[in-house]
């Protein structure tokens, strides 16, 4: 089951939600604040998923899936500044999002998932 905007739908527990959570934590929250609240938010989110779905989804699996999403985000966000005109608010926003995403990915050791 997956929690979507309209409720529960058949899918893996993290098909959409882990991506949304990764975007929320990595992009929407300043890095310092994210570091203060991230563990509590991940545990609360995990508890909500297990309660809503009855899934045996472990917290270790939450972290593994979350780290994979962060790695994917780094790949996408790393190119973001190439698509905005230099200077101005758009470049500032793109730079902020890239910095936040990379900081979150590094904090969670997502680089360890890269196959060498």
Protein backbone atom coordinates (compact mmCIF):
# COMPACT_ATOMS: atom_id res chain seq x y z
CA UNK A 1 0.00 0.00 0.00
CA UNK A 2 1.13 3.54 -0.68
CA UNK A 3 -0.14 6.69 0.92
CA UNK A 4 -1.05 9.16 -1.79
CA UNK A 5 -2.92 12.46 -1.91
CA UNK A 6 -6.19 10.55 -2.15
CA UNK A 7 -5.48 7.96 0.55
CA UNK A 8 -4.16 4.41 0.30
CA UNK A 9 -3.43 2.70 -2.99
CA UNK A 10 -1.71 -0.59 -3.87
CA UNK A 11 2.04 -0.12 -4.24
CA UNK A 12 5.24 -0.71 -2.32
CA UNK A 13 5.38 1.22 0.95
CA UNK A 14 7.92 3.67 -0.37
CA UNK A 15 7.12 3.93 -4.03
CA UNK A 16 6.13 7.57 -3.71
CA UNK A 17 6.45 8.48 -0.07
CA UNK A 18 10.20 8.10 0.35
CA UNK A 19 10.77 10.40 -2.59
CA UNK A 20 8.40 12.96 -1.11
CA UNK A 21 10.05 12.70 2.30
CA UNK A 22 13.51 13.03 0.77
CA UNK A 23 12.44 16.11 -1.18
CA UNK A 24 10.86 17.61 1.92
CA UNK A 25 13.89 17.10 4.15
CA UNK A 26 16.58 17.82 1.59
CA UNK A 27 15.00 20.79 -0.18
CA UNK A 28 12.39 22.46 2.01
CA UNK A 29 14.23 22.68 5.29
CA UNK A 30 17.44 24.65 5.89
CA UNK A 31 20.33 22.27 6.55
CA UNK A 32 20.83 23.22 10.21
CA UNK A 33 17.16 22.77 11.06
CA UNK A 34 16.98 19.51 9.09
CA UNK A 35 19.86 18.09 11.09
CA UNK A 36 18.01 18.90 14.32
CA UNK A 37 14.72 17.22 13.35
CA UNK A 38 15.55 14.61 10.70
CA UNK A 39 15.80 11.53 12.92
CA UNK A 40 12.56 12.30 14.75
CA UNK A 41 10.76 12.98 11.44
CA UNK A 42 12.02 9.74 9.88
CA UNK A 43 10.90 7.73 12.92
CA UNK A 44 7.48 9.42 12.97
CA UNK A 45 7.08 8.87 9.24
CA UNK A 46 8.06 5.20 9.58
CA UNK A 47 5.56 4.73 12.41
CA UNK A 48 2.79 6.31 10.33
CA UNK A 49 3.55 4.04 7.35
CA UNK A 50 3.57 0.89 9.49
CA UNK A 51 0.37 1.91 11.31
CA UNK A 52 -1.48 2.86 8.12
CA UNK A 53 -0.45 -0.17 6.09
CA UNK A 54 0.32 -2.90 8.59
CA UNK A 55 3.53 -3.37 6.62
CA UNK A 56 6.53 -5.11 8.21
CA UNK A 57 8.62 -2.26 6.75
CA UNK A 58 11.66 -1.92 9.02
CA UNK A 59 13.32 1.34 9.96
CA UNK A 60 16.57 0.03 8.45
CA UNK A 61 14.72 -0.36 5.14
CA UNK A 62 13.37 3.18 5.51
CA UNK A 63 16.91 4.48 5.80
CA UNK A 64 18.14 2.41 2.86
CA UNK A 65 15.30 3.60 0.62
CA UNK A 66 15.68 7.18 1.83
CA UNK A 67 19.41 7.12 1.01
CA UNK A 68 18.68 5.79 -2.50
CA UNK A 69 16.23 8.63 -3.08
CA UNK A 70 18.82 11.15 -1.93
CA UNK A 71 21.36 9.73 -4.34
CA UNK A 72 18.85 10.03 -7.17
CA UNK A 73 18.13 13.61 -6.13
CA UNK A 74 21.84 14.46 -6.15
CA UNK A 75 22.07 13.21 -9.72
CA UNK A 76 19.11 15.35 -10.78
CA UNK A 77 19.87 18.45 -8.71
CA UNK A 78 23.53 18.52 -9.67
CA UNK A 79 22.45 19.57 -13.14
CA UNK A 80 19.87 22.15 -12.01
CA UNK A 81 22.14 25.22 -12.27
CA UNK A 82 22.74 24.41 -15.93
CA UNK A 83 19.08 25.10 -16.69
CA UNK A 84 18.74 28.57 -15.20
CA UNK A 85 20.01 31.91 -16.41
CA UNK A 86 23.01 33.20 -14.47
CA UNK A 87 22.25 35.75 -11.77
CA UNK A 88 18.96 36.50 -10.19
CA UNK A 89 16.55 34.62 -7.99
CA UNK A 90 16.37 31.46 -10.13
CA UNK A 91 20.10 30.83 -9.88
CA UNK A 92 20.05 31.55 -6.15
CA UNK A 93 17.21 29.06 -5.63
CA UNK A 94 18.88 26.39 -7.79
CA UNK A 95 22.15 26.80 -5.89
CA UNK A 96 20.38 26.57 -2.52
CA UNK A 97 18.55 23.40 -3.55
CA UNK A 98 21.75 21.79 -4.80
CA UNK A 99 23.60 22.67 -1.59
CA UNK A 100 20.80 21.34 0.62
CA UNK A 101 20.43 18.14 -1.38
CA UNK A 102 24.15 17.40 -1.36
CA UNK A 103 24.40 18.16 2.38
CA UNK A 104 21.53 15.79 3.16
CA UNK A 105 22.95 13.05 0.95
CA UNK A 106 26.36 13.38 2.60
CA UNK A 107 24.83 13.40 6.08
CA UNK A 108 23.14 10.08 5.31
CA UNK A 109 26.14 8.54 3.54
CA UNK A 110 24.31 8.13 0.24
CA UNK A 111 27.62 8.19 -1.62
CA UNK A 112 28.28 4.71 -0.21
CA UNK A 113 25.58 3.40 -2.56
CA UNK A 114 27.54 4.33 -5.67
CA UNK A 115 28.90 1.23 -7.34
CA UNK A 116 32.54 1.63 -8.20
